[in-house]
Amino acid sequence: MDVIFSIFQETFDNPIGTQQVPLPIIENYQGKLPNQLITYWKEHGWRGYGSGLFWMVNPQEYEEVVAHWLSGTHFETRDTYHLIARSAFGDLYLWGEHTGSLLTIAAYHSRYIDGAYSSSAEDMDGKIQALLMWVMTESINFNDLFKPAREALGDLASDEMYGFVPALMLGGSGTLKHLEKLKAVEHLIILSQFTDLLPYEFSDDE
């Protein structure tokens, strides 16, 4: 029994937007992504958890997003990255298939946290479970806006996110009245063009 995933499901209940993962895609990512993640795909599909606060996604749909965010950075040549999950507000979780590392990008203010390399398949699986622990213990609910955003703007579809207009990097305000429901891929690509991707500074406001 996967205790961590069971706790995660209890914490992030009310899954939405479930999509079954086609066998060819599972076969394509076998050996590129952790076995634990592939198991979640097989058993639960791609879906939004916590009413859409956290999403496990199809990496193929976000290849252009990854390319734009990593263009011109040292990550572009270090590894081949796949976006495996995201939050409703644009926290992106990328897996490096050769290093076995998790790269976290906060797209709304263009900051990243680089993870450690993996030494074994067990280590890789542990990082996937650590990601679930991370989203349960760290706030991915920007300024506690998720519930008010759902009430004001409606539930997210699997290809949507809540984004600030104007963007925070352009001086926008992180308040409910500046949130809109936007197409995730298109908005994330636009955000990637505003400023350089920099290391996360733990003094930054969340």
N, C-alpha and C. Protein backbone atom coordinates (compact mmCIF):
# COMPACT_ATOMS: atom_id res chain seq x y z
N MET A 1 0.85 -1.20 0.00
CA MET A 1 0.00 0.00 0.00
C MET A 1 0.88 1.25 0.00
N ASP A 2 0.55 2.20 -0.84
CA ASP A 2 1.28 3.45 -0.93
C ASP A 2 0.66 4.43 0.08
N VAL A 3 1.25 4.48 1.27
CA VAL A 3 0.69 5.27 2.36
C VAL A 3 0.71 6.75 2.01
N ILE A 4 1.82 7.22 1.43
CA ILE A 4 1.94 8.64 1.12
C ILE A 4 0.88 9.06 0.11
N PHE A 5 0.66 8.24 -0.92
CA PHE A 5 -0.34 8.61 -1.91
C PHE A 5 -1.74 8.57 -1.31
N SER A 6 -1.98 7.63 -0.40
CA SER A 6 -3.29 7.58 0.27
C SER A 6 -3.53 8.86 1.06
N ILE A 7 -2.50 9.33 1.79
CA ILE A 7 -2.63 10.57 2.55
C ILE A 7 -2.82 11.75 1.60
N PHE A 8 -2.07 11.73 0.50
CA PHE A 8 -2.20 12.78 -0.51
C PHE A 8 -3.62 12.85 -1.05
N GLN A 9 -4.21 11.70 -1.37
CA GLN A 9 -5.57 11.68 -1.89
C GLN A 9 -6.58 12.19 -0.87
N GLU A 10 -6.35 11.89 0.42
CA GLU A 10 -7.24 12.39 1.46
C GLU A 10 -7.11 13.91 1.60
N THR A 11 -5.88 14.39 1.46
CA THR A 11 -5.63 15.83 1.60
C THR A 11 -6.15 16.60 0.40
N PHE A 12 -5.89 16.06 -0.79
CA PHE A 12 -6.32 16.69 -2.04
C PHE A 12 -7.46 15.85 -2.63
N ASP A 13 -8.60 15.92 -1.97
CA ASP A 13 -9.74 15.12 -2.42
C ASP A 13 -10.43 15.80 -3.60
N ASN A 14 -11.54 15.24 -4.00
CA ASN A 14 -12.34 15.75 -5.12
C ASN A 14 -11.53 15.90 -6.41
N PRO A 15 -11.03 14.78 -6.96
CA PRO A 15 -10.29 14.85 -8.23
C PRO A 15 -11.21 15.26 -9.37
N ILE A 16 -10.65 16.02 -10.32
CA ILE A 16 -11.43 16.47 -11.47
C ILE A 16 -10.62 16.28 -12.75
N GLY A 17 -11.33 16.29 -13.87
CA GLY A 17 -10.69 16.28 -15.18
C GLY A 17 -9.85 15.05 -15.47
N THR A 18 -10.27 13.90 -14.99
CA THR A 18 -9.47 12.68 -15.17
C THR A 18 -9.40 12.27 -16.64
N GLN A 19 -8.18 11.97 -17.10
CA GLN A 19 -7.95 11.45 -18.44
C GLN A 19 -7.14 10.15 -18.33
N GLN A 20 -7.63 9.11 -18.95
CA GLN A 20 -6.88 7.87 -18.97
C GLN A 20 -5.62 8.04 -19.82
N VAL A 21 -4.53 7.42 -19.40
CA VAL A 21 -3.26 7.56 -20.11
C VAL A 21 -3.14 6.45 -21.15
N PRO A 22 -3.02 6.79 -22.43
CA PRO A 22 -2.90 5.77 -23.48
C PRO A 22 -1.64 4.93 -23.30
N LEU A 23 -1.74 3.66 -23.63
CA LEU A 23 -0.63 2.74 -23.48
C LEU A 23 0.62 3.19 -24.25
N PRO A 24 0.50 3.70 -25.48
CA PRO A 24 1.71 4.15 -26.18
C PRO A 24 2.47 5.24 -25.44
N ILE A 25 1.75 6.12 -24.73
CA ILE A 25 2.43 7.17 -23.98
C ILE A 25 3.13 6.58 -22.76
N ILE A 26 2.49 5.64 -22.10
CA ILE A 26 3.12 4.95 -20.97
C ILE A 26 4.41 4.28 -21.44
N GLU A 27 4.34 3.60 -22.56
CA GLU A 27 5.52 2.91 -23.08
C GLU A 27 6.61 3.90 -23.47
N ASN A 28 6.21 5.06 -24.00
CA ASN A 28 7.19 6.06 -24.42
C ASN A 28 7.98 6.62 -23.24
N TYR A 29 7.32 6.78 -22.09
CA TYR A 29 7.98 7.38 -20.93
C TYR A 29 8.57 6.36 -19.96
N GLN A 30 8.34 5.08 -20.23
CA GLN A 30 8.94 4.04 -19.39
C GLN A 30 10.45 4.14 -19.48
N GLY A 31 11.12 4.25 -18.36
CA GLY A 31 12.57 4.41 -18.35
C GLY A 31 13.04 5.84 -18.41
N LYS A 32 12.13 6.77 -18.74
CA LYS A 32 12.46 8.20 -18.76
C LYS A 32 11.95 8.90 -17.50
N LEU A 33 10.85 8.41 -16.98
CA LEU A 33 10.25 8.96 -15.77
C LEU A 33 10.23 7.88 -14.68
N PRO A 34 10.15 8.26 -13.43
CA PRO A 34 10.17 7.27 -12.34
C PRO A 34 9.04 6.25 -12.45
N ASN A 35 9.34 5.03 -12.05
CA ASN A 35 8.34 3.97 -12.08
C ASN A 35 7.12 4.31 -11.23
N GLN A 36 7.36 5.00 -10.10
CA GLN A 36 6.26 5.36 -9.22
C GLN A 36 5.27 6.29 -9.92
N LEU A 37 5.79 7.22 -10.69
CA LEU A 37 4.91 8.14 -11.42
C LEU A 37 4.13 7.39 -12.49
N ILE A 38 4.78 6.50 -13.20
CA ILE A 38 4.09 5.70 -14.22
C ILE A 38 2.98 4.87 -13.59
N THR A 39 3.23 4.36 -12.38
CA THR A 39 2.19 3.60 -11.67
C THR A 39 0.99 4.47 -11.36
N TYR A 40 1.24 5.71 -10.92
CA TYR A 40 0.12 6.63 -10.66
C TYR A 40 -0.66 6.87 -11.94
N TRP A 41 0.05 7.04 -13.05
CA TRP A 41 -0.63 7.24 -14.34
C TRP A 41 -1.54 6.05 -14.66
N LYS A 42 -1.01 4.84 -14.50
CA LYS A 42 -1.77 3.63 -14.84
C LYS A 42 -3.01 3.49 -13.97
N GLU A 43 -2.86 3.80 -12.69
CA GLU A 43 -3.95 3.55 -11.75
C GLU A 43 -4.95 4.70 -11.67
N HIS A 44 -4.50 5.93 -11.92
CA HIS A 44 -5.38 7.08 -11.68
C HIS A 44 -5.49 8.03 -12.87
N GLY A 45 -4.66 7.86 -13.88
CA GLY A 45 -4.69 8.74 -15.04
C GLY A 45 -4.06 10.09 -14.73
N TRP A 46 -4.23 11.01 -15.66
CA TRP A 46 -3.87 12.41 -15.43
C TRP A 46 -5.11 13.10 -14.89
N ARG A 47 -4.95 13.92 -13.85
CA ARG A 47 -6.12 14.57 -13.26
C ARG A 47 -5.70 15.71 -12.36
N GLY A 48 -6.71 16.51 -12.01
CA GLY A 48 -6.50 17.57 -11.04
C GLY A 48 -6.91 17.07 -9.67
N TYR A 49 -6.07 17.32 -8.67
CA TYR A 49 -6.35 16.93 -7.29
C TYR A 49 -6.70 18.17 -6.48
N GLY A 50 -7.47 17.96 -5.40
CA GLY A 50 -7.89 19.10 -4.59
C GLY A 50 -8.74 20.06 -5.38
N SER A 51 -9.68 19.52 -6.18
CA SER A 51 -10.58 20.32 -7.02
C SER A 51 -9.84 21.10 -8.10
N GLY A 52 -8.59 20.69 -8.39
CA GLY A 52 -7.83 21.34 -9.46
C GLY A 52 -6.70 22.22 -8.98
N LEU A 53 -6.37 22.16 -7.69
CA LEU A 53 -5.24 22.93 -7.17
C LEU A 53 -3.91 22.37 -7.66
N PHE A 54 -3.82 21.04 -7.78
CA PHE A 54 -2.59 20.36 -8.22
C PHE A 54 -2.95 19.38 -9.32
N TRP A 55 -2.17 19.42 -10.41
CA TRP A 55 -2.46 18.58 -11.57
C TRP A 55 -1.27 17.69 -11.94
N MET A 56 -1.54 16.40 -12.14
CA MET A 56 -0.59 15.53 -12.83
C MET A 56 -0.97 15.55 -14.30
N VAL A 57 -0.01 15.80 -15.18
CA VAL A 57 -0.34 16.14 -16.56
C VAL A 57 0.41 15.27 -17.57
N ASN A 58 -0.04 15.40 -18.81
CA ASN A 58 0.61 14.76 -19.95
C ASN A 58 1.83 15.59 -20.36
N PRO A 59 3.04 15.08 -20.18
CA PRO A 59 4.23 15.88 -20.53
C PRO A 59 4.26 16.32 -21.98
N GLN A 60 3.69 15.53 -22.88
CA GLN A 60 3.72 15.88 -24.29
C GLN A 60 3.01 17.19 -24.57
N GLU A 61 1.97 17.49 -23.80
CA GLU A 61 1.21 18.72 -24.01
C GLU A 61 1.97 19.96 -23.57
N TYR A 62 3.05 19.75 -22.80
CA TYR A 62 3.80 20.89 -22.25
C TYR A 62 5.24 20.96 -22.77
N GLU A 63 5.53 20.25 -23.84
CA GLU A 63 6.89 20.27 -24.39
C GLU A 63 7.31 21.69 -24.80
N GLU A 64 6.40 22.44 -25.40
CA GLU A 64 6.72 23.80 -25.82
C GLU A 64 6.92 24.71 -24.62
N VAL A 65 6.14 24.48 -23.56
CA VAL A 65 6.31 25.25 -22.34
C VAL A 65 7.71 25.04 -21.76
N VAL A 66 8.12 23.78 -21.67
CA VAL A 66 9.45 23.46 -21.15
C VAL A 66 10.53 24.10 -22.00
N ALA A 67 10.39 23.99 -23.32
CA ALA A 67 11.39 24.56 -24.23
C ALA A 67 11.54 26.06 -24.02
N HIS A 68 10.44 26.77 -23.86
CA HIS A 68 10.49 28.22 -23.68
C HIS A 68 11.12 28.59 -22.34
N TRP A 69 10.76 27.90 -21.28
CA TRP A 69 11.27 28.25 -19.97
C TRP A 69 12.76 27.94 -19.83
N LEU A 70 13.24 26.89 -20.47
CA LEU A 70 14.63 26.49 -20.30
C LEU A 70 15.56 27.06 -21.36
N SER A 71 14.99 27.70 -22.38
CA SER A 71 15.80 28.27 -23.46
C SER A 71 16.80 29.28 -22.91
N GLY A 72 18.06 29.10 -23.26
CA GLY A 72 19.10 30.04 -22.84
C GLY A 72 19.63 29.81 -21.44
N THR A 73 19.11 28.81 -20.73
CA THR A 73 19.60 28.48 -19.39
C THR A 73 20.52 27.27 -19.45
N HIS A 74 21.24 27.03 -18.37
CA HIS A 74 22.13 25.86 -18.35
C HIS A 74 21.33 24.56 -18.31
N PHE A 75 20.06 24.64 -17.92
CA PHE A 75 19.22 23.43 -17.90
C PHE A 75 18.97 22.90 -19.31
N GLU A 76 18.99 23.79 -20.28
CA GLU A 76 18.68 23.42 -21.67
C GLU A 76 19.63 22.35 -22.19
N THR A 77 20.90 22.41 -21.78
CA THR A 77 21.90 21.45 -22.26
C THR A 77 22.25 20.40 -21.21
N ARG A 78 21.81 20.59 -19.99
CA ARG A 78 22.17 19.65 -18.93
C ARG A 78 21.39 18.35 -18.99
N ASP A 79 20.14 18.44 -19.40
CA ASP A 79 19.26 17.27 -19.33
C ASP A 79 18.08 17.45 -20.27
N THR A 80 17.29 16.39 -20.42
CA THR A 80 16.02 16.46 -21.12
C THR A 80 14.93 16.46 -20.06
N TYR A 81 14.18 17.54 -20.01
CA TYR A 81 13.18 17.72 -18.94
C TYR A 81 11.76 17.50 -19.47
N HIS A 82 10.93 16.96 -18.59
CA HIS A 82 9.52 16.72 -18.89
C HIS A 82 8.69 17.32 -17.77
N LEU A 83 7.67 18.10 -18.12
CA LEU A 83 6.78 18.65 -17.12
C LEU A 83 5.79 17.57 -16.70
N ILE A 84 5.83 17.19 -15.43
CA ILE A 84 5.01 16.07 -14.96
C ILE A 84 3.82 16.52 -14.12
N ALA A 85 3.91 17.75 -13.57
CA ALA A 85 2.82 18.24 -12.72
C ALA A 85 2.89 19.76 -12.65
N ARG A 86 1.77 20.35 -12.25
CA ARG A 86 1.71 21.81 -12.10
C ARG A 86 0.62 22.16 -11.11
N SER A 87 0.68 23.38 -10.61
CA SER A 87 -0.38 23.87 -9.74
C SER A 87 -1.35 24.74 -10.54
N ALA A 88 -2.43 25.11 -9.90
CA ALA A 88 -3.44 25.94 -10.55
C ALA A 88 -2.92 27.33 -10.88
N PHE A 89 -1.87 27.77 -10.17
CA PHE A 89 -1.36 29.13 -10.34
C PHE A 89 -0.05 29.20 -11.12
N GLY A 90 0.52 28.05 -11.48
CA GLY A 90 1.72 28.09 -12.30
C GLY A 90 3.00 27.64 -11.64
N ASP A 91 2.92 26.87 -10.56
CA ASP A 91 4.09 26.17 -10.07
C ASP A 91 4.29 24.95 -10.96
N LEU A 92 5.48 24.83 -11.57
CA LEU A 92 5.75 23.79 -12.55
C LEU A 92 6.77 22.81 -11.99
N TYR A 93 6.54 21.52 -12.22
CA TYR A 93 7.43 20.48 -11.71
C TYR A 93 7.95 19.67 -12.89
N LEU A 94 9.26 19.81 -13.16
CA LEU A 94 9.90 19.20 -14.32
C LEU A 94 10.84 18.10 -13.87
N TRP A 95 10.80 16.96 -14.58
CA TRP A 95 11.67 15.83 -14.27
C TRP A 95 12.78 15.72 -15.31
N GLY A 96 14.02 15.62 -14.84
CA GLY A 96 15.17 15.41 -15.71
C GLY A 96 15.40 13.92 -15.93
N GLU A 97 15.24 13.46 -17.16
CA GLU A 97 15.26 12.02 -17.38
C GLU A 97 16.64 11.39 -17.22
N HIS A 98 17.72 12.14 -17.37
CA HIS A 98 19.06 11.59 -17.22
C HIS A 98 19.62 11.78 -15.81
N THR A 99 19.36 12.93 -15.21
CA THR A 99 19.86 13.21 -13.87
C THR A 99 18.94 12.67 -12.78
N GLY A 100 17.68 12.40 -13.14
CA GLY A 100 16.73 11.97 -12.12
C GLY A 100 16.50 13.04 -11.08
N SER A 101 16.44 14.29 -11.54
CA SER A 101 16.26 15.42 -10.62
C SER A 101 14.95 16.13 -10.91
N LEU A 102 14.44 16.78 -9.88
CA LEU A 102 13.18 17.51 -10.01
C LEU A 102 13.49 19.01 -10.00
N LEU A 103 13.09 19.67 -11.06
CA LEU A 103 13.28 21.11 -11.20
C LEU A 103 11.93 21.79 -11.00
N THR A 104 11.84 22.67 -10.01
CA THR A 104 10.60 23.35 -9.70
C THR A 104 10.70 24.80 -10.17
N ILE A 105 9.72 25.24 -10.94
CA ILE A 105 9.69 26.61 -11.44
C ILE A 105 8.40 27.29 -11.00
N ALA A 106 8.53 28.44 -10.34
CA ALA A 106 7.37 29.27 -10.03
C ALA A 106 7.21 30.24 -11.19
N ALA A 107 6.33 29.91 -12.12
CA ALA A 107 6.24 30.67 -13.37
C ALA A 107 5.75 32.09 -13.16
N TYR A 108 4.96 32.33 -12.12
CA TYR A 108 4.39 33.66 -11.92
C TYR A 108 5.43 34.69 -11.52
N HIS A 109 6.60 34.25 -10.99
CA HIS A 109 7.67 35.23 -10.75
C HIS A 109 9.04 34.75 -11.22
N SER A 110 9.04 33.73 -12.08
CA SER A 110 10.24 33.29 -12.79
C SER A 110 11.39 32.92 -11.86
N ARG A 111 11.11 32.05 -10.90
CA ARG A 111 12.12 31.56 -9.98
C ARG A 111 12.14 30.03 -10.03
N TYR A 112 13.31 29.45 -9.75
CA TYR A 112 13.41 27.99 -9.78
C TYR A 112 14.12 27.46 -8.55
N ILE A 113 13.84 26.19 -8.23
CA ILE A 113 14.56 25.41 -7.24
C ILE A 113 15.06 24.16 -7.94
N ASP A 114 16.36 23.93 -7.92
CA ASP A 114 16.97 22.78 -8.58
C ASP A 114 17.12 21.64 -7.58
N GLY A 115 16.69 20.44 -7.95
CA GLY A 115 16.77 19.30 -7.06
C GLY A 115 18.04 18.50 -7.24
N ALA A 116 18.31 17.62 -6.29
CA ALA A 116 19.49 16.76 -6.33
C ALA A 116 19.32 15.65 -7.35
N TYR A 117 20.44 15.13 -7.84
CA TYR A 117 20.42 14.01 -8.77
C TYR A 117 20.00 12.73 -8.03
N SER A 118 19.48 11.77 -8.79
CA SER A 118 19.11 10.47 -8.23
C SER A 118 20.22 9.45 -8.49
N SER A 119 20.37 8.54 -7.56
CA SER A 119 21.40 7.51 -7.68
C SER A 119 20.84 6.14 -8.01
N SER A 120 19.51 5.99 -7.95
CA SER A 120 18.90 4.68 -8.20
C SER A 120 17.43 4.86 -8.55
N ALA A 121 16.81 3.79 -9.03
CA ALA A 121 15.38 3.82 -9.33
C ALA A 121 14.57 4.07 -8.07
N GLU A 122 15.03 3.49 -6.95
CA GLU A 122 14.34 3.70 -5.68
C GLU A 122 14.41 5.16 -5.26
N ASP A 123 15.56 5.78 -5.51
CA ASP A 123 15.73 7.20 -5.19
C ASP A 123 14.77 8.05 -6.03
N MET A 124 14.63 7.70 -7.30
CA MET A 124 13.71 8.43 -8.18
C MET A 124 12.27 8.31 -7.69
N ASP A 125 11.87 7.10 -7.32
CA ASP A 125 10.52 6.90 -6.81
C ASP A 125 10.30 7.70 -5.53
N GLY A 126 11.34 7.75 -4.70
CA GLY A 126 11.25 8.52 -3.46
C GLY A 126 11.05 10.00 -3.72
N LYS A 127 11.64 10.51 -4.81
CA LYS A 127 11.48 11.93 -5.14
C LYS A 127 10.05 12.24 -5.57
N ILE A 128 9.39 11.29 -6.23
CA ILE A 128 7.99 11.50 -6.61
C ILE A 128 7.12 11.56 -5.36
N GLN A 129 7.38 10.69 -4.41
CA GLN A 129 6.62 10.73 -3.17
C GLN A 129 6.96 11.99 -2.37
N ALA A 130 8.23 12.43 -2.45
CA ALA A 130 8.62 13.67 -1.78
C ALA A 130 7.90 14.87 -2.40
N LEU A 131 7.65 14.81 -3.70
CA LEU A 131 6.88 15.88 -4.36
C LEU A 131 5.48 15.96 -3.78
N LEU A 132 4.86 14.81 -3.57
CA LEU A 132 3.52 14.80 -2.98
C LEU A 132 3.55 15.37 -1.57
N MET A 133 4.59 15.01 -0.81
CA MET A 133 4.73 15.57 0.54
C MET A 133 4.93 17.08 0.47
N TRP A 134 5.69 17.53 -0.52
CA TRP A 134 5.95 18.96 -0.68
C TRP A 134 4.65 19.72 -0.89
N VAL A 135 3.82 19.24 -1.82
CA VAL A 135 2.59 19.99 -2.12
C VAL A 135 1.59 19.90 -0.98
N MET A 136 1.74 18.89 -0.10
CA MET A 136 0.86 18.81 1.05
C MET A 136 1.30 19.73 2.18
N THR A 137 2.60 20.03 2.26
CA THR A 137 3.12 20.79 3.40
C THR A 137 3.51 22.22 3.05
N GLU A 138 3.81 22.49 1.78
CA GLU A 138 4.14 23.84 1.36
C GLU A 138 2.93 24.45 0.64
N SER A 139 2.81 25.75 0.70
CA SER A 139 1.63 26.40 0.14
C SER A 139 1.76 26.57 -1.37
N ILE A 140 0.96 25.81 -2.13
CA ILE A 140 0.85 26.05 -3.57
C ILE A 140 -0.44 26.82 -3.87
N ASN A 141 -1.14 27.19 -2.79
CA ASN A 141 -2.39 27.94 -2.89
C ASN A 141 -2.06 29.42 -2.75
N PHE A 142 -1.74 30.07 -3.85
CA PHE A 142 -1.22 31.43 -3.85
C PHE A 142 -2.13 32.37 -3.06
N ASN A 143 -1.58 32.90 -1.93
CA ASN A 143 -2.32 33.85 -1.09
C ASN A 143 -3.71 33.35 -0.70
N ASP A 144 -3.85 32.00 -0.61
CA ASP A 144 -5.15 31.40 -0.27
C ASP A 144 -6.26 31.82 -1.23
N LEU A 145 -5.88 31.97 -2.50
CA LEU A 145 -6.84 32.47 -3.49
C LEU A 145 -7.59 31.36 -4.24
N PHE A 146 -7.23 30.10 -4.01
CA PHE A 146 -7.81 29.05 -4.85
C PHE A 146 -9.33 28.94 -4.67
N LYS A 147 -9.79 28.84 -3.44
CA LYS A 147 -11.24 28.72 -3.21
C LYS A 147 -11.98 29.95 -3.71
N PRO A 148 -11.53 31.18 -3.38
CA PRO A 148 -12.23 32.36 -3.94
C PRO A 148 -12.20 32.40 -5.46
N ALA A 149 -11.08 31.93 -6.07
CA ALA A 149 -10.99 31.92 -7.53
C ALA A 149 -12.01 30.95 -8.13
N ARG A 150 -12.16 29.79 -7.51
CA ARG A 150 -13.14 28.81 -8.00
C ARG A 150 -14.55 29.39 -7.91
N GLU A 151 -14.84 30.07 -6.79
CA GLU A 151 -16.18 30.62 -6.61
C GLU A 151 -16.45 31.75 -7.60
N ALA A 152 -15.43 32.53 -7.91
CA ALA A 152 -15.62 33.68 -8.80
C ALA A 152 -15.52 33.33 -10.27
N LEU A 153 -14.60 32.40 -10.60
CA LEU A 153 -14.29 32.11 -12.00
C LEU A 153 -14.73 30.73 -12.46
N GLY A 154 -15.04 29.85 -11.53
CA GLY A 154 -15.45 28.51 -11.89
C GLY A 154 -14.29 27.53 -11.85
N ASP A 155 -14.62 26.24 -11.91
CA ASP A 155 -13.60 25.19 -11.90
C ASP A 155 -12.73 25.26 -13.14
N LEU A 156 -11.51 24.77 -12.99
CA LEU A 156 -10.59 24.71 -14.11
C LEU A 156 -10.82 23.45 -14.94
N ALA A 157 -10.71 23.58 -16.25
CA ALA A 157 -10.61 22.41 -17.12
C ALA A 157 -9.15 21.94 -17.08
N SER A 158 -8.90 20.78 -17.63
CA SER A 158 -7.56 20.20 -17.55
C SER A 158 -6.50 21.02 -18.28
N ASP A 159 -6.92 21.89 -19.20
CA ASP A 159 -5.97 22.72 -19.95
C ASP A 159 -5.99 24.17 -19.51
N GLU A 160 -6.51 24.44 -18.29
CA GLU A 160 -6.64 25.81 -17.81
C GLU A 160 -5.89 26.03 -16.50
N MET A 161 -5.64 27.31 -16.19
CA MET A 161 -5.02 27.71 -14.93
C MET A 161 -5.57 29.08 -14.55
N TYR A 162 -5.32 29.48 -13.32
CA TYR A 162 -5.64 30.83 -12.90
C TYR A 162 -4.38 31.68 -13.05
N GLY A 163 -4.50 32.81 -13.76
CA GLY A 163 -3.35 33.67 -13.99
C GLY A 163 -3.67 35.12 -13.68
N PHE A 164 -2.67 35.85 -13.26
CA PHE A 164 -2.85 37.27 -12.94
C PHE A 164 -2.70 38.13 -14.19
N VAL A 165 -3.62 39.04 -14.37
CA VAL A 165 -3.61 39.96 -15.51
C VAL A 165 -3.79 41.39 -15.00
N PRO A 166 -2.75 42.25 -15.18
CA PRO A 166 -1.46 41.95 -15.79
C PRO A 166 -0.61 41.02 -14.91
N ALA A 167 0.38 40.39 -15.51
CA ALA A 167 1.24 39.45 -14.81
C ALA A 167 1.98 40.13 -13.67
N LEU A 168 2.29 39.36 -12.63
CA LEU A 168 3.01 39.91 -11.48
C LEU A 168 4.35 40.49 -11.89
N MET A 169 5.01 39.85 -12.87
CA MET A 169 6.32 40.32 -13.31
C MET A 169 6.25 41.65 -14.05
N LEU A 170 5.03 42.05 -14.43
CA LEU A 170 4.83 43.35 -15.10
C LEU A 170 4.23 44.37 -14.14
N GLY A 171 4.25 44.03 -12.86
CA GLY A 171 3.72 44.96 -11.87
C GLY A 171 2.29 44.71 -11.48
N GLY A 172 1.73 43.58 -11.93
CA GLY A 172 0.36 43.26 -11.59
C GLY A 172 0.20 42.94 -10.11
N SER A 173 -1.03 42.94 -9.65
CA SER A 173 -1.34 42.71 -8.25
C SER A 173 -1.80 41.27 -8.03
N GLY A 174 -1.32 40.64 -6.96
CA GLY A 174 -1.69 39.26 -6.66
C GLY A 174 -2.98 39.18 -5.88
N THR A 175 -4.04 39.72 -6.45
CA THR A 175 -5.34 39.74 -5.78
C THR A 175 -6.39 39.08 -6.66
N LEU A 176 -7.50 38.74 -6.03
CA LEU A 176 -8.55 38.02 -6.73
C LEU A 176 -9.08 38.79 -7.94
N LYS A 177 -9.24 40.08 -7.83
CA LYS A 177 -9.84 40.83 -8.93
C LYS A 177 -8.92 40.90 -10.15
N HIS A 178 -7.66 40.52 -10.00
CA HIS A 178 -6.74 40.49 -11.13
C HIS A 178 -6.51 39.07 -11.66
N LEU A 179 -7.24 38.10 -11.12
CA LEU A 179 -7.13 36.73 -11.61
C LEU A 179 -8.10 36.49 -12.76
N GLU A 180 -7.63 35.71 -13.74
CA GLU A 180 -8.48 35.25 -14.83
C GLU A 180 -8.24 33.76 -15.05
N LYS A 181 -9.23 33.10 -15.61
CA LYS A 181 -9.07 31.70 -16.00
C LYS A 181 -8.52 31.69 -17.42
N LEU A 182 -7.32 31.10 -17.60
CA LEU A 182 -6.59 31.19 -18.86
C LEU A 182 -6.17 29.82 -19.35
N LYS A 183 -5.89 29.71 -20.65
CA LYS A 183 -5.33 28.48 -21.19
C LYS A 183 -3.91 28.32 -20.65
N ALA A 184 -3.64 27.17 -20.04
CA ALA A 184 -2.38 26.99 -19.32
C ALA A 184 -1.16 27.08 -20.22
N VAL A 185 -1.13 26.33 -21.31
CA VAL A 185 0.05 26.29 -22.18
C VAL A 185 0.36 27.69 -22.71
N GLU A 186 -0.63 28.36 -23.24
CA GLU A 186 -0.42 29.67 -23.83
C GLU A 186 0.05 30.69 -22.79
N HIS A 187 -0.58 30.68 -21.62
CA HIS A 187 -0.21 31.65 -20.59
C HIS A 187 1.19 31.38 -20.05
N LEU A 188 1.54 30.11 -19.86
CA LEU A 188 2.87 29.78 -19.34
C LEU A 188 3.97 30.18 -20.33
N ILE A 189 3.70 30.03 -21.60
CA ILE A 189 4.68 30.46 -22.62
C ILE A 189 4.84 31.97 -22.58
N ILE A 190 3.74 32.69 -22.46
CA ILE A 190 3.81 34.16 -22.37
C ILE A 190 4.63 34.58 -21.14
N LEU A 191 4.39 33.95 -20.00
CA LEU A 191 5.13 34.29 -18.78
C LEU A 191 6.63 34.06 -18.94
N SER A 192 7.00 33.06 -19.70
CA SER A 192 8.42 32.73 -19.88
C SER A 192 9.19 33.82 -20.60
N GLN A 193 8.49 34.71 -21.28
CA GLN A 193 9.13 35.73 -22.11
C GLN A 193 9.37 37.06 -21.40
N PHE A 194 8.91 37.18 -20.16
CA PHE A 194 8.98 38.48 -19.49
C PHE A 194 10.32 38.79 -18.84
N THR A 195 10.98 37.77 -18.29
CA THR A 195 12.23 38.02 -17.58
C THR A 195 13.04 36.74 -17.50
N ASP A 196 14.32 36.85 -17.13
CA ASP A 196 15.18 35.67 -17.02
C ASP A 196 14.72 34.77 -15.88
N LEU A 197 14.96 33.47 -16.05
CA LEU A 197 14.69 32.50 -14.99
C LEU A 197 15.85 32.53 -14.00
N LEU A 198 15.54 32.82 -12.73
CA LEU A 198 16.57 32.99 -11.71
C LEU A 198 16.35 32.01 -10.55
N PRO A 199 17.41 31.73 -9.78
CA PRO A 199 17.25 30.85 -8.62
C PRO A 199 16.27 31.45 -7.61
N TYR A 200 15.56 30.60 -6.96
CA TYR A 200 14.62 31.05 -5.95
C TYR A 200 15.38 31.63 -4.75
N GLU A 201 14.93 32.75 -4.27
CA GLU A 201 15.48 33.37 -3.07
C GLU A 201 14.46 33.19 -1.97
N PHE A 202 14.86 32.54 -0.90
CA PHE A 202 13.90 32.16 0.13
C PHE A 202 13.37 33.34 0.92
N SER A 203 13.88 34.54 0.63
CA SER A 203 13.31 35.74 1.21
C SER A 203 12.18 36.31 0.36
N ASP A 204 12.05 35.75 -0.90
CA ASP A 204 10.98 36.21 -1.79
C ASP A 204 9.63 35.92 -1.16
N ASP A 205 8.67 36.78 -1.43
CA ASP A 205 7.30 36.50 -1.00
C ASP A 205 6.76 35.36 -1.83
N GLU A 206 5.95 34.52 -1.17
CA GLU A 206 5.36 33.40 -1.91
C GLU A 206 4.31 33.91 -2.87
